[in-house]
Amino acid sequence: MAGGSDGRPRHEQVAADIRARIMSGEFPPGSQLPSIPSLVTRYAAATATIQRALAALKAEGSIFSEVGKGVYVRRRRPLVVGASTYLAPTPSGYSYRLLDVAEVVPPRDVAEGLGLGEGEKAVLRHRLMLHDGEPVELSWSYYPSSIAAGSELAERKKVNGGAGRVMAELGLLQRRMVDRLSARMPTTEEVAMLDLPAYVPVIRQLRVIHTDDERPIEASVLVKGSHLHELRYEQQLSDGPPRVT
């Protein structure tokens, strides 16, 4: 049985609980939060503690206040992102800002995902994804230089149709995607580029895309603010009872 305790300051504990209730829908978008006296009673905490918790939630954009009326949950619902290799740009939806294109030795986990040996290089495309003009994701996408060198992926320009289109033209169809998810605190770059509160963790995805013959052709590191995102995965389950092997 776990015997740990929550060593965080009390206002952070309160903020975390309110945040969890917002994410679960108990406090739906646009709804008014209970009054400060009610929260003082609910959490058996001092007024100053509740005020600090609400200030933290306001700073991260989870709630907002209206003078003389009260405190409300942000009207914008969490951005639910489906597991997809490419999200097409739209006028009022997703857009991309290209930050860098370079040939580099990738990080170890990326190199392993691509099956690259020590010192082997990959073409990196570093991008910032926006939704309705707001930054929502940083991505570092790597393609083996043996495939991508000399292609559009190595050019410092946006690629219409994404990497999938370029790979298909090279005879390499994207067939299988494997995501590894983890959470950690943001780096300085991530805080600045994604406009994050420094204390909110990010979701990190390491995504590797394979062809029909299991050849890895792309590995991406995708980083999103955890307080504004939900990831949706769907899988078609086979009929019948599970097999035990």
Protein backbone atom coordinates (compact mmCIF):
# COMPACT_ATOMS: atom_id res chain seq x y z
CA MET A 1 0.00 0.00 0.00
CA ALA A 2 1.34 3.44 -0.93
CA GLY A 3 2.40 5.49 2.04
CA GLY A 4 3.41 8.78 0.44
CA SER A 5 1.94 12.15 1.31
CA ASP A 6 1.35 15.34 -0.67
CA GLY A 7 4.15 17.70 0.30
CA ARG A 8 3.04 20.56 -1.91
CA PRO A 9 2.00 23.90 -0.40
CA ARG A 10 -1.70 23.92 0.48
CA HIS A 11 -2.65 26.42 -2.22
CA GLU A 12 -1.11 24.15 -4.89
CA GLN A 13 -3.11 21.20 -3.54
CA VAL A 14 -6.33 23.23 -3.74
CA ALA A 15 -5.52 24.48 -7.25
CA ALA A 16 -4.80 20.90 -8.37
CA ASP A 17 -8.15 19.68 -7.04
CA ILE A 18 -10.11 22.48 -8.69
CA ARG A 19 -8.20 21.89 -11.94
CA ALA A 20 -9.10 18.20 -11.83
CA ARG A 21 -12.77 19.06 -11.32
CA ILE A 22 -12.66 21.43 -14.29
CA MET A 23 -11.09 18.76 -16.49
CA SER A 24 -13.64 16.13 -15.42
CA GLY A 25 -16.54 18.44 -16.25
CA GLU A 26 -17.76 18.85 -12.68
CA PHE A 27 -17.12 22.56 -13.20
CA PRO A 28 -18.10 22.90 -16.90
CA PRO A 29 -16.84 25.62 -19.27
CA GLY A 30 -18.38 29.00 -18.48
CA SER A 31 -19.78 27.92 -15.11
CA GLN A 32 -19.29 29.96 -11.97
CA LEU A 33 -17.04 28.52 -9.29
CA PRO A 34 -18.27 28.37 -5.69
CA SER A 35 -17.64 31.53 -3.71
CA ILE A 36 -14.43 31.98 -1.76
CA PRO A 37 -16.22 31.38 1.58
CA SER A 38 -17.65 28.15 0.15
CA LEU A 39 -14.20 27.05 -1.01
CA VAL A 40 -12.74 27.94 2.38
CA THR A 41 -15.27 25.58 3.97
CA ARG A 42 -14.85 22.85 1.34
CA TYR A 43 -11.07 22.73 1.63
CA ALA A 44 -10.78 23.72 5.30
CA ALA A 45 -8.27 26.33 4.23
CA ALA A 46 -7.59 29.98 4.98
CA THR A 47 -9.01 32.68 2.71
CA ALA A 48 -5.49 33.66 1.64
CA THR A 49 -4.81 30.05 0.60
CA ILE A 50 -7.93 29.94 -1.59
CA GLN A 51 -7.04 33.29 -3.13
CA ARG A 52 -3.53 32.04 -4.00
CA ALA A 53 -4.99 28.88 -5.55
CA LEU A 54 -7.42 30.91 -7.69
CA ALA A 55 -4.63 33.29 -8.70
CA ALA A 56 -2.59 30.32 -9.96
CA LEU A 57 -5.55 29.00 -11.95
CA LYS A 58 -6.15 32.45 -13.44
CA ALA A 59 -2.50 32.73 -14.45
CA GLU A 60 -2.68 29.48 -16.41
CA GLY A 61 -5.96 30.42 -18.09
CA SER A 62 -8.16 27.80 -16.42
CA ILE A 63 -10.46 30.39 -14.82
CA PHE A 64 -11.23 34.09 -15.09
CA SER A 65 -12.98 36.64 -12.90
CA GLU A 66 -15.61 39.29 -13.56
CA VAL A 67 -15.59 42.21 -11.15
CA GLY A 68 -18.65 42.19 -8.93
CA LYS A 69 -19.89 38.87 -10.29
CA GLY A 70 -17.51 36.06 -9.43
CA VAL A 71 -14.98 33.57 -10.77
CA TYR A 72 -15.76 31.45 -13.83
CA VAL A 73 -14.31 28.45 -15.64
CA ARG A 74 -12.74 29.29 -18.99
CA ARG A 75 -15.31 29.08 -21.76
CA ARG A 76 -12.94 27.26 -24.09
CA ARG A 77 -13.09 23.49 -23.70
CA PRO A 78 -9.85 21.47 -23.59
CA LEU A 79 -8.45 20.98 -27.06
CA VAL A 80 -9.10 17.31 -27.86
CA VAL A 81 -6.44 16.13 -30.29
CA GLY A 82 -6.90 12.85 -32.12
CA ALA A 83 -3.94 10.58 -32.76
CA SER A 84 -3.11 11.58 -36.32
CA THR A 85 0.09 11.84 -38.31
CA TYR A 86 -0.96 15.19 -39.79
CA LEU A 87 -3.54 17.88 -38.99
CA ALA A 88 -4.38 19.89 -42.07
CA PRO A 89 -4.17 23.70 -41.74
CA THR A 90 -7.51 25.53 -41.84
CA PRO A 91 -8.34 29.26 -41.68
CA SER A 92 -9.83 29.12 -38.16
CA GLY A 93 -8.18 25.90 -36.99
CA TYR A 94 -4.63 24.60 -37.13
CA SER A 95 -1.67 26.37 -38.65
CA TYR A 96 2.07 25.82 -38.51
CA ARG A 97 5.11 28.02 -38.08
CA LEU A 98 8.38 26.56 -39.31
CA LEU A 99 11.13 27.27 -36.78
CA ASP A 100 14.11 25.36 -38.18
CA VAL A 101 15.26 22.80 -40.75
CA ALA A 102 18.65 21.16 -40.29
CA GLU A 103 20.57 17.92 -40.66
CA VAL A 104 21.46 16.74 -37.17
CA VAL A 105 22.40 13.77 -35.03
CA PRO A 106 19.06 13.09 -33.30
CA PRO A 107 18.53 12.45 -29.58
CA ARG A 108 19.10 8.87 -28.47
CA ASP A 109 15.45 7.83 -28.14
CA VAL A 110 14.69 9.25 -31.60
CA ALA A 111 17.73 7.51 -33.13
CA GLU A 112 16.65 4.23 -31.59
CA GLY A 113 13.12 4.68 -32.93
CA LEU A 114 14.48 5.30 -36.42
CA GLY A 115 16.97 2.44 -36.18
CA LEU A 116 19.92 4.79 -36.72
CA GLY A 117 23.43 3.88 -35.65
CA GLU A 118 25.67 6.08 -33.53
CA GLY A 119 26.46 9.35 -35.29
CA GLU A 120 24.00 8.77 -38.15
CA LYS A 121 22.12 11.90 -39.11
CA ALA A 122 18.52 12.80 -39.75
CA VAL A 123 16.73 15.77 -41.27
CA LEU A 124 15.02 17.78 -38.53
CA ARG A 125 11.95 19.93 -39.06
CA HIS A 126 11.15 21.97 -35.95
CA ARG A 127 7.70 23.56 -35.91
CA LEU A 128 5.22 25.41 -33.74
CA MET A 129 1.57 24.44 -34.21
CA LEU A 130 -1.14 26.99 -33.50
CA HIS A 131 -4.89 26.68 -33.08
CA ASP A 132 -6.96 29.81 -33.71
CA GLY A 133 -3.68 31.69 -33.60
CA GLU A 134 -2.72 30.40 -30.14
CA PRO A 135 0.41 28.23 -29.69
CA VAL A 136 -0.54 24.66 -28.74
CA GLU A 137 2.30 22.32 -29.69
CA LEU A 138 6.03 22.27 -30.35
CA SER A 139 7.28 19.49 -32.59
CA TRP A 140 10.65 18.13 -33.63
CA SER A 141 10.23 15.73 -36.56
CA TYR A 142 13.19 13.64 -37.72
CA TYR A 143 13.58 11.77 -41.02
CA PRO A 144 16.57 9.53 -41.85
CA SER A 145 18.96 11.48 -44.07
CA SER A 146 19.20 8.44 -46.33
CA ILE A 147 15.54 9.08 -47.20
CA ALA A 148 14.97 12.80 -46.74
CA ALA A 149 18.20 14.41 -47.99
CA GLY A 150 17.48 16.15 -51.28
CA SER A 151 13.70 15.99 -50.81
CA GLU A 152 11.26 18.76 -49.90
CA LEU A 153 11.65 17.75 -46.26
CA ALA A 154 15.20 19.09 -46.28
CA GLU A 155 14.15 22.47 -47.66
CA ARG A 156 13.46 25.42 -45.38
CA LYS A 157 9.86 25.89 -46.44
CA LYS A 158 6.43 24.60 -45.55
CA VAL A 159 5.51 21.28 -47.13
CA ASN A 160 2.01 21.20 -48.56
CA GLY A 161 0.29 17.97 -47.58
CA GLY A 162 2.86 17.21 -44.91
CA ALA A 163 5.58 14.59 -44.74
CA GLY A 164 3.11 11.83 -45.61
CA ARG A 165 2.67 13.24 -49.08
CA VAL A 166 6.43 13.50 -49.66
CA MET A 167 7.05 9.98 -48.35
CA ALA A 168 4.27 8.59 -50.56
CA GLU A 169 5.91 10.17 -53.59
CA LEU A 170 9.13 8.43 -52.54
CA GLY A 171 7.24 5.12 -52.44
CA LEU A 172 7.12 4.99 -48.64
CA LEU A 173 3.57 4.85 -47.32
CA GLN A 174 2.82 5.63 -43.68
CA ARG A 175 1.07 2.53 -42.32
CA ARG A 176 1.65 2.19 -38.58
CA MET A 177 2.17 4.72 -35.83
CA VAL A 178 3.48 4.06 -32.34
CA ASP A 179 3.19 6.71 -29.63
CA ARG A 180 4.98 6.73 -26.28
CA LEU A 181 3.50 9.24 -23.83
CA SER A 182 5.11 10.80 -20.80
CA ALA A 183 4.77 13.94 -18.70
CA ARG A 184 7.41 16.27 -17.35
CA MET A 185 7.94 19.89 -16.41
CA PRO A 186 8.54 22.25 -19.37
CA THR A 187 11.89 23.52 -20.55
CA THR A 188 12.59 27.25 -20.80
CA GLU A 189 11.99 27.14 -24.57
CA GLU A 190 8.67 25.35 -24.10
CA VAL A 191 7.46 27.84 -21.49
CA ALA A 192 8.29 30.74 -23.81
CA MET A 193 7.08 29.28 -27.13
CA LEU A 194 3.86 27.74 -25.77
CA ASP A 195 3.15 30.60 -23.33
CA LEU A 196 2.92 28.15 -20.43
CA PRO A 197 2.76 28.70 -16.71
CA ALA A 198 6.12 27.46 -15.47
CA TYR A 199 4.60 24.98 -13.00
CA VAL A 200 2.26 23.15 -15.42
CA PRO A 201 3.61 19.86 -16.83
CA VAL A 202 3.73 19.16 -20.53
CA ILE A 203 2.64 16.03 -22.37
CA ARG A 204 5.51 14.59 -24.38
CA GLN A 205 4.81 12.19 -27.23
CA LEU A 206 7.50 10.23 -28.99
CA ARG A 207 5.86 9.12 -32.22
CA VAL A 208 7.44 6.69 -34.68
CA ILE A 209 5.83 6.04 -38.07
CA HIS A 210 6.50 2.84 -40.04
CA THR A 211 5.85 1.56 -43.54
CA ASP A 212 4.14 -1.73 -44.44
CA ASP A 213 7.42 -3.59 -44.05
CA GLU A 214 7.99 -2.05 -40.59
CA ARG A 215 10.61 0.40 -41.81
CA PRO A 216 10.70 3.47 -39.53
CA ILE A 217 10.59 6.62 -41.66
CA GLU A 218 9.72 9.37 -39.19
CA ALA A 219 10.15 10.00 -35.47
CA SER A 220 8.66 13.06 -33.85
CA VAL A 221 8.79 14.59 -30.40
CA LEU A 222 5.52 16.44 -29.74
CA VAL A 223 5.12 18.66 -26.68
CA LYS A 224 1.81 20.14 -25.48
CA GLY A 225 0.65 21.94 -22.34
CA SER A 226 -1.16 19.40 -20.17
CA HIS A 227 -3.66 21.91 -18.78
CA LEU A 228 -5.21 22.67 -22.18
CA HIS A 229 -5.15 19.32 -23.94
CA GLU A 230 -6.73 15.90 -24.05
CA LEU A 231 -5.42 13.19 -26.36
CA ARG A 232 -7.91 10.84 -27.99
CA TYR A 233 -7.00 7.35 -29.14
CA GLU A 234 -9.36 4.94 -30.84
CA GLN A 235 -8.84 1.25 -31.51
CA GLN A 236 -11.14 -1.23 -33.18
CA LEU A 237 -11.39 -4.25 -30.91
CA SER A 238 -11.75 -7.73 -32.37
CA ASP A 239 -14.96 -9.69 -31.84
CA GLY A 240 -15.14 -12.46 -29.28
CA PRO A 241 -13.50 -13.02 -25.93
CA PRO A 242 -9.83 -12.19 -25.43
CA ARG A 243 -7.33 -14.91 -26.11
CA VAL A 244 -5.03 -16.08 -23.36
CA THR A 245 -1.59 -17.11 -24.57
